[in-house]
Amino acid sequence: MLGALPNITREYGISGVVKANSPAESRPRHTAIFAGFEEDIANIKSGWSKSVQPFESVFNNVGASWAFGIETVLNYFDANIRRMSHGNSLSDFQVLQAFLTSADRVVQELSVQKNDVNGSACGKIVFLHFDSTDHAGHVSGYPSPGYVKAVVEADNFAQSVFDFFRKNIPQELMNATTFIVTSDHGVSEYGHGGGSLNEVYVPIFMWGSGIVGEQFHPVLRKPDSKSGYPILLNQIDICPLLASLLGIKMPSNSMATIERIKSTSFFPFLVSGGEEPRVVQDLLEETNQLVRTLSKLRNMNSFPRSMSIGKHKIV
């Protein structure tokens, strides 16, 4: 019997395996997901609890964001988040209840259109962090009955969040909403923090706006040379995927750039309904900016020897 998330993605979207890197610790892996890079190894001195250097994440660039979960995880990202956490309790039920208690206000603000300086709509994020599976992995180990129970409960809670949005937000807003469920890291029978197969290969489930439904558009998965798993995408590419879906600029530290788009693992399933990925939009916008600037200079009869806009240079 399939769980809630496999059933949802089988009908609406796509699911698969994400390849992360070591160390399989919460902060470095959340940084990879939301900022798109691997943290400085010097952060090990703090037990991966904080970064020695400030950095930009997708939370810096969205119109608004809300986060529900344990405080230690939410504190990884302190920019532009309207935190509504439940302290350091490990109960996923409390996370869900905290969300539902604030949900009417969140939905109201989600419905308010906010544009950036260029007139484009700013994306918004609702982030829920369920920690019980991590806790069960530490206490009971993998694959103990306690761990399996925690996974089943988290699966049901994710279904509850989807059902809430489906029933309570306008259809137009629902059509513009994307759902992504994944894990920062896995767990072995000894816990996590290393680089074993069970720790660095995690599931991902995606559906909604901008995501190609695999039932309509099958996506090829490349077998991983180390594990043999069919990899859907790399964890570090979830960040540019989020930026593309949200229509925001990519975080400045992200290792995903326009130059490596052909090797970016999210590209095959991002294009939907004729829409261009954000990274392509960025390239087109920079090209249009060059054209506008050159036209203005032509009217002024003033041409510099060389000029640069974005990543492009005219000599």
Protein backbone atom coordinates (compact mmCIF):
# COMPACT_ATOMS: atom_id res chain seq x y z
CA MET A 1 0.00 0.00 0.00
CA LEU A 2 1.41 3.37 -1.06
CA GLY A 3 1.62 6.26 1.40
CA ALA A 4 -0.09 9.61 0.97
CA LEU A 5 2.83 11.36 -0.75
CA PRO A 6 3.47 8.64 -3.38
CA ASN A 7 -0.26 8.65 -4.16
CA ILE A 8 -0.33 12.44 -4.55
CA THR A 9 2.70 12.61 -6.83
CA ARG A 10 1.53 9.65 -8.88
CA GLU A 11 -1.60 11.67 -9.70
CA TYR A 12 -0.25 15.24 -9.77
CA GLY A 13 3.54 15.38 -9.97
CA ILE A 14 6.83 13.56 -9.63
CA SER A 15 8.88 11.81 -6.96
CA GLY A 16 12.34 10.33 -6.76
CA VAL A 17 15.70 10.18 -5.02
CA VAL A 18 17.79 13.22 -4.10
CA LYS A 19 21.55 12.93 -3.76
CA ALA A 20 22.98 14.97 -0.89
CA ASN A 21 26.56 15.29 0.32
CA SER A 22 28.15 14.67 3.67
CA PRO A 23 28.06 15.68 6.45
CA ALA A 24 24.51 14.42 6.95
CA GLU A 25 23.73 17.09 9.55
CA SER A 26 20.69 19.35 9.65
CA ARG A 27 22.31 22.75 9.17
CA PRO A 28 24.63 21.92 6.22
CA ARG A 29 21.84 20.10 4.44
CA HIS A 30 19.28 22.87 4.99
CA THR A 31 21.89 25.31 3.69
CA ALA A 32 22.26 23.22 0.53
CA ILE A 33 18.48 23.18 0.03
CA PHE A 34 17.74 26.86 0.64
CA ALA A 35 21.05 28.57 -0.23
CA GLY A 36 22.47 26.21 -2.87
CA PHE A 37 26.00 25.65 -1.58
CA GLU A 38 28.02 23.47 0.77
CA GLU A 39 28.88 25.18 4.05
CA ASP A 40 32.38 26.10 5.13
CA ILE A 41 34.03 23.16 6.90
CA ALA A 42 35.04 25.65 9.61
CA ASN A 43 31.43 25.55 10.81
CA ILE A 44 32.15 22.15 12.33
CA LYS A 45 33.72 24.08 15.24
CA SER A 46 30.24 25.16 16.31
CA GLY A 47 28.83 21.67 15.87
CA TRP A 48 27.17 22.91 12.66
CA SER A 49 24.92 25.14 14.79
CA LYS A 50 25.89 28.42 13.08
CA SER A 51 27.84 29.78 10.13
CA VAL A 52 31.08 31.71 10.44
CA GLN A 53 29.94 33.86 7.51
CA PRO A 54 26.48 35.30 6.79
CA PHE A 55 24.94 34.11 3.54
CA GLU A 56 21.91 34.68 1.35
CA SER A 57 19.13 32.11 0.94
CA VAL A 58 15.83 32.03 -0.92
CA PHE A 59 14.22 33.44 2.23
CA ASN A 60 16.08 36.72 1.64
CA ASN A 61 14.55 37.21 -1.79
CA VAL A 62 10.89 36.23 -1.45
CA GLY A 63 8.03 38.62 -0.80
CA ALA A 64 7.20 36.90 2.50
CA SER A 65 7.75 33.59 4.26
CA TRP A 66 6.39 31.70 7.24
CA ALA A 67 8.12 28.87 9.08
CA PHE A 68 6.82 26.28 11.54
CA GLY A 69 9.08 23.82 13.36
CA ILE A 70 11.70 23.52 16.04
CA GLU A 71 13.45 26.76 16.86
CA THR A 72 16.97 25.44 16.30
CA VAL A 73 16.21 24.71 12.64
CA LEU A 74 14.25 27.90 11.98
CA ASN A 75 17.12 29.95 13.40
CA TYR A 76 19.37 28.75 10.56
CA PHE A 77 17.65 31.36 8.40
CA ASP A 78 16.96 34.71 10.04
CA ALA A 79 16.02 36.79 7.01
CA ASN A 80 12.47 37.69 6.03
CA ILE A 81 10.83 34.84 7.96
CA ARG A 82 7.73 35.50 10.03
CA ARG A 83 8.56 32.75 12.49
CA MET A 84 5.80 30.85 14.22
CA SER A 85 7.67 27.99 15.85
CA HIS A 86 6.71 25.65 18.66
CA GLY A 87 9.99 25.94 20.55
CA ASN A 88 12.09 22.80 20.80
CA SER A 89 9.29 20.28 21.25
CA LEU A 90 9.78 17.31 18.94
CA SER A 91 6.08 16.77 18.19
CA ASP A 92 5.10 16.98 14.53
CA PHE A 93 1.49 17.23 15.69
CA GLN A 94 2.34 20.51 17.44
CA VAL A 95 3.97 21.81 14.25
CA LEU A 96 0.82 21.02 12.30
CA GLN A 97 -1.39 22.62 14.95
CA ALA A 98 0.79 25.74 15.03
CA PHE A 99 0.35 26.02 11.27
CA LEU A 100 -3.42 25.44 11.36
CA THR A 101 -3.83 28.00 14.16
CA SER A 102 -2.15 30.66 12.01
CA ALA A 103 -3.38 29.35 8.67
CA ASP A 104 -6.22 31.84 8.10
CA ARG A 105 -3.82 34.77 8.51
CA VAL A 106 -1.23 33.07 6.29
CA VAL A 107 -3.76 32.40 3.54
CA GLN A 108 -4.97 36.00 3.70
CA GLU A 109 -1.44 37.31 3.25
CA LEU A 110 -0.65 34.77 0.54
CA SER A 111 -3.55 36.19 -1.44
CA VAL A 112 -2.14 39.72 -1.34
CA GLN A 113 -0.14 40.47 -4.47
CA LYS A 114 3.25 42.05 -3.84
CA ASN A 115 5.56 43.07 -6.66
CA ASP A 116 9.29 43.70 -6.78
CA VAL A 117 10.93 46.84 -8.15
CA ASN A 118 10.62 45.50 -11.70
CA GLY A 119 6.90 44.91 -11.36
CA SER A 120 7.19 41.12 -11.17
CA ALA A 121 5.21 39.18 -8.59
CA CYS A 122 7.28 38.12 -5.57
CA GLY A 123 7.05 34.49 -4.55
CA LYS A 124 6.15 33.45 -1.01
CA ILE A 125 7.17 30.42 1.07
CA VAL A 126 5.41 28.45 3.78
CA PHE A 127 8.02 26.15 5.37
CA LEU A 128 7.05 23.34 7.74
CA HIS A 129 9.78 21.33 9.41
CA PHE A 130 8.72 17.95 10.85
CA ASP A 131 11.43 16.65 13.16
CA SER A 132 9.96 13.44 14.59
CA THR A 133 11.58 11.18 12.00
CA ASP A 134 15.01 12.56 12.92
CA HIS A 135 14.27 12.07 16.62
CA ALA A 136 13.00 8.52 16.05
CA GLY A 137 16.15 7.72 14.08
CA HIS A 138 18.30 8.78 17.02
CA VAL A 139 16.22 6.98 19.64
CA SER A 140 15.20 3.80 17.83
CA GLY A 141 17.54 3.60 14.87
CA TYR A 142 16.72 2.63 11.32
CA PRO A 143 14.61 0.71 10.38
CA SER A 144 12.97 0.21 13.79
CA PRO A 145 9.17 0.14 14.29
CA GLY A 146 9.41 3.53 16.03
CA TYR A 147 11.15 5.05 13.02
CA VAL A 148 8.66 3.57 10.56
CA LYS A 149 5.77 4.90 12.68
CA ALA A 150 7.29 8.41 12.63
CA VAL A 151 7.66 8.29 8.83
CA VAL A 152 4.03 7.21 8.40
CA GLU A 153 2.86 10.03 10.69
CA ALA A 154 4.94 12.63 8.83
CA ASP A 155 3.47 11.35 5.56
CA ASN A 156 -0.04 11.83 6.94
CA PHE A 157 0.78 15.32 8.25
CA ALA A 158 2.04 16.34 4.80
CA GLN A 159 -1.26 15.11 3.36
CA SER A 160 -3.11 17.23 5.95
CA VAL A 161 -1.23 20.37 4.88
CA PHE A 162 -2.02 19.71 1.21
CA ASP A 163 -5.69 19.07 2.03
CA PHE A 164 -5.88 22.33 3.98
CA PHE A 165 -4.56 24.39 1.07
CA ARG A 166 -6.73 22.56 -1.40
CA LYS A 167 -9.87 23.33 0.63
CA ASN A 168 -9.09 26.83 1.88
CA ILE A 169 -7.30 28.91 -0.74
CA PRO A 170 -8.80 30.31 -3.96
CA GLN A 171 -8.41 28.11 -7.01
CA GLU A 172 -6.37 30.78 -8.79
CA LEU A 173 -3.87 30.81 -5.92
CA MET A 174 -3.86 27.02 -5.73
CA ASN A 175 -2.99 26.88 -9.42
CA ALA A 176 0.07 29.05 -8.68
CA THR A 177 1.21 26.99 -5.67
CA THR A 178 3.95 24.35 -5.67
CA PHE A 179 4.39 21.67 -3.02
CA ILE A 180 7.80 20.14 -2.29
CA VAL A 181 8.41 17.54 0.42
CA THR A 182 11.92 16.25 1.07
CA SER A 183 14.39 15.45 3.84
CA ASP A 184 17.59 17.22 4.80
CA HIS A 185 19.34 13.89 5.38
CA GLY A 186 18.73 10.21 6.02
CA VAL A 187 19.76 7.99 8.90
CA SER A 188 21.70 4.78 9.42
CA GLU A 189 21.36 2.27 12.23
CA TYR A 190 23.99 4.32 14.08
CA GLY A 191 22.42 7.76 13.59
CA HIS A 192 23.57 10.36 11.05
CA GLY A 193 26.38 12.78 10.33
CA GLY A 194 28.47 10.71 7.94
CA GLY A 195 28.23 9.84 4.28
CA SER A 196 26.71 6.35 4.13
CA LEU A 197 24.12 5.54 1.46
CA ASN A 198 21.27 5.63 3.98
CA GLU A 199 22.35 9.09 5.15
CA VAL A 200 22.91 11.01 1.90
CA TYR A 201 20.19 9.62 -0.39
CA VAL A 202 16.74 10.96 0.49
CA PRO A 203 13.29 11.08 -1.14
CA ILE A 204 11.61 14.08 -2.71
CA PHE A 205 7.98 14.61 -3.74
CA MET A 206 6.93 17.56 -5.91
CA TRP A 207 3.67 18.66 -7.47
CA GLY A 208 1.81 21.80 -8.42
CA SER A 209 2.63 24.91 -10.42
CA GLY A 210 5.71 24.65 -12.62
CA ILE A 211 6.30 20.93 -12.01
CA VAL A 212 5.88 18.53 -14.91
CA GLY A 213 3.58 15.65 -13.98
CA GLU A 214 5.48 12.48 -14.77
CA GLN A 215 2.31 10.69 -15.80
CA PHE A 216 2.18 13.12 -18.73
CA HIS A 217 5.87 13.79 -19.29
CA PRO A 218 8.20 10.98 -18.07
CA VAL A 219 11.59 12.17 -16.79
CA LEU A 220 14.77 10.18 -17.24
CA ARG A 221 16.70 9.42 -14.07
CA LYS A 222 20.44 8.91 -14.19
CA PRO A 223 21.71 5.92 -12.15
CA ASP A 224 24.13 7.08 -9.48
CA SER A 225 27.61 5.61 -9.89
CA LYS A 226 28.03 5.06 -6.14
CA SER A 227 24.65 3.74 -5.05
CA GLY A 228 23.00 2.65 -8.28
CA TYR A 229 19.91 4.64 -7.28
CA PRO A 230 18.09 6.45 -10.10
CA ILE A 231 18.76 10.07 -9.11
CA LEU A 232 16.07 12.65 -9.84
CA LEU A 233 18.18 15.65 -8.82
CA ASN A 234 21.04 16.78 -6.61
CA GLN A 235 20.16 18.34 -3.27
CA ILE A 236 22.20 21.44 -4.04
CA ASP A 237 19.98 22.06 -7.09
CA ILE A 238 16.81 22.29 -5.00
CA CYS A 239 17.76 25.93 -4.31
CA PRO A 240 17.73 27.09 -7.97
CA LEU A 241 14.61 24.99 -8.45
CA LEU A 242 12.92 26.96 -5.66
CA ALA A 243 14.19 30.26 -7.08
CA SER A 244 12.89 29.34 -10.53
CA LEU A 245 9.47 28.33 -9.23
CA LEU A 246 9.19 31.42 -7.02
CA GLY A 247 10.35 33.79 -9.75
CA ILE A 248 13.07 35.30 -7.58
CA LYS A 249 16.76 35.88 -8.09
CA MET A 250 19.06 33.05 -7.16
CA PRO A 251 20.90 33.39 -3.82
CA SER A 252 24.31 34.93 -4.39
CA ASN A 253 26.23 31.98 -2.93
CA SER A 254 24.40 29.36 -4.98
CA MET A 255 26.68 27.05 -6.95
CA ALA A 256 24.05 26.80 -9.69
CA THR A 257 24.69 29.46 -12.33
CA ILE A 258 23.53 30.19 -15.86
CA GLU A 259 26.82 28.81 -17.17
CA ARG A 260 26.08 25.32 -15.83
CA ILE A 261 22.41 25.13 -16.74
CA LYS A 262 22.95 22.10 -18.99
CA SER A 263 24.32 20.18 -16.02
CA THR A 264 21.76 21.46 -13.53
CA SER A 265 19.73 18.46 -12.49
CA PHE A 266 16.37 20.23 -12.03
CA PHE A 267 16.13 21.48 -15.64
CA PRO A 268 14.36 18.49 -17.30
CA PHE A 269 11.18 18.62 -15.24
CA LEU A 270 10.87 22.33 -14.47
CA VAL A 271 9.45 23.52 -17.79
CA SER A 272 5.67 23.22 -17.81
CA GLY A 273 3.00 24.71 -20.03
CA GLY A 274 5.48 26.62 -22.17
CA GLU A 275 6.91 28.54 -19.22
CA GLU A 276 10.62 29.29 -19.19
CA PRO A 277 12.71 28.48 -16.12
CA ARG A 278 13.76 31.53 -14.13
CA VAL A 279 17.41 31.09 -15.05
CA VAL A 280 16.44 31.39 -18.72
CA GLN A 281 14.25 34.39 -17.89
CA ASP A 282 17.24 36.00 -16.18
CA LEU A 283 19.35 35.51 -19.30
CA LEU A 284 16.63 36.98 -21.52
CA GLU A 285 16.18 39.93 -19.14
CA GLU A 286 19.90 40.68 -19.19
CA THR A 287 19.84 40.50 -23.00
CA ASN A 288 16.88 42.89 -23.14
CA GLN A 289 18.69 45.20 -20.73
CA LEU A 290 21.69 45.25 -23.07
CA VAL A 291 19.44 46.13 -25.99
CA ARG A 292 17.74 48.95 -24.05
CA THR A 293 21.08 50.36 -22.91
CA LEU A 294 22.58 50.25 -26.40
CA SER A 295 19.50 51.97 -27.85
CA LYS A 296 19.79 54.74 -25.28
CA LEU A 297 23.50 55.19 -26.01
CA ARG A 298 22.80 55.28 -29.73
CA ASN A 299 20.35 58.12 -29.21
CA MET A 300 22.99 59.93 -27.17
CA ASN A 301 25.70 59.22 -29.80
CA SER A 302 27.88 57.96 -26.97
CA PHE A 303 29.37 54.48 -27.06
CA PRO A 304 31.90 53.26 -24.48
CA ARG A 305 34.75 51.02 -25.54
CA SER A 306 33.25 48.21 -23.48
CA MET A 307 30.36 47.68 -21.11
CA SER A 308 29.09 44.92 -18.84
CA ILE A 309 25.58 44.08 -17.69
CA GLY A 310 25.04 41.05 -15.52
CA LYS A 311 27.44 38.36 -16.66
CA HIS A 312 27.70 39.70 -20.21
CA LYS A 313 30.27 42.07 -21.69
CA ILE A 314 30.24 43.96 -24.98
CA VAL A 315 33.60 45.11 -26.32
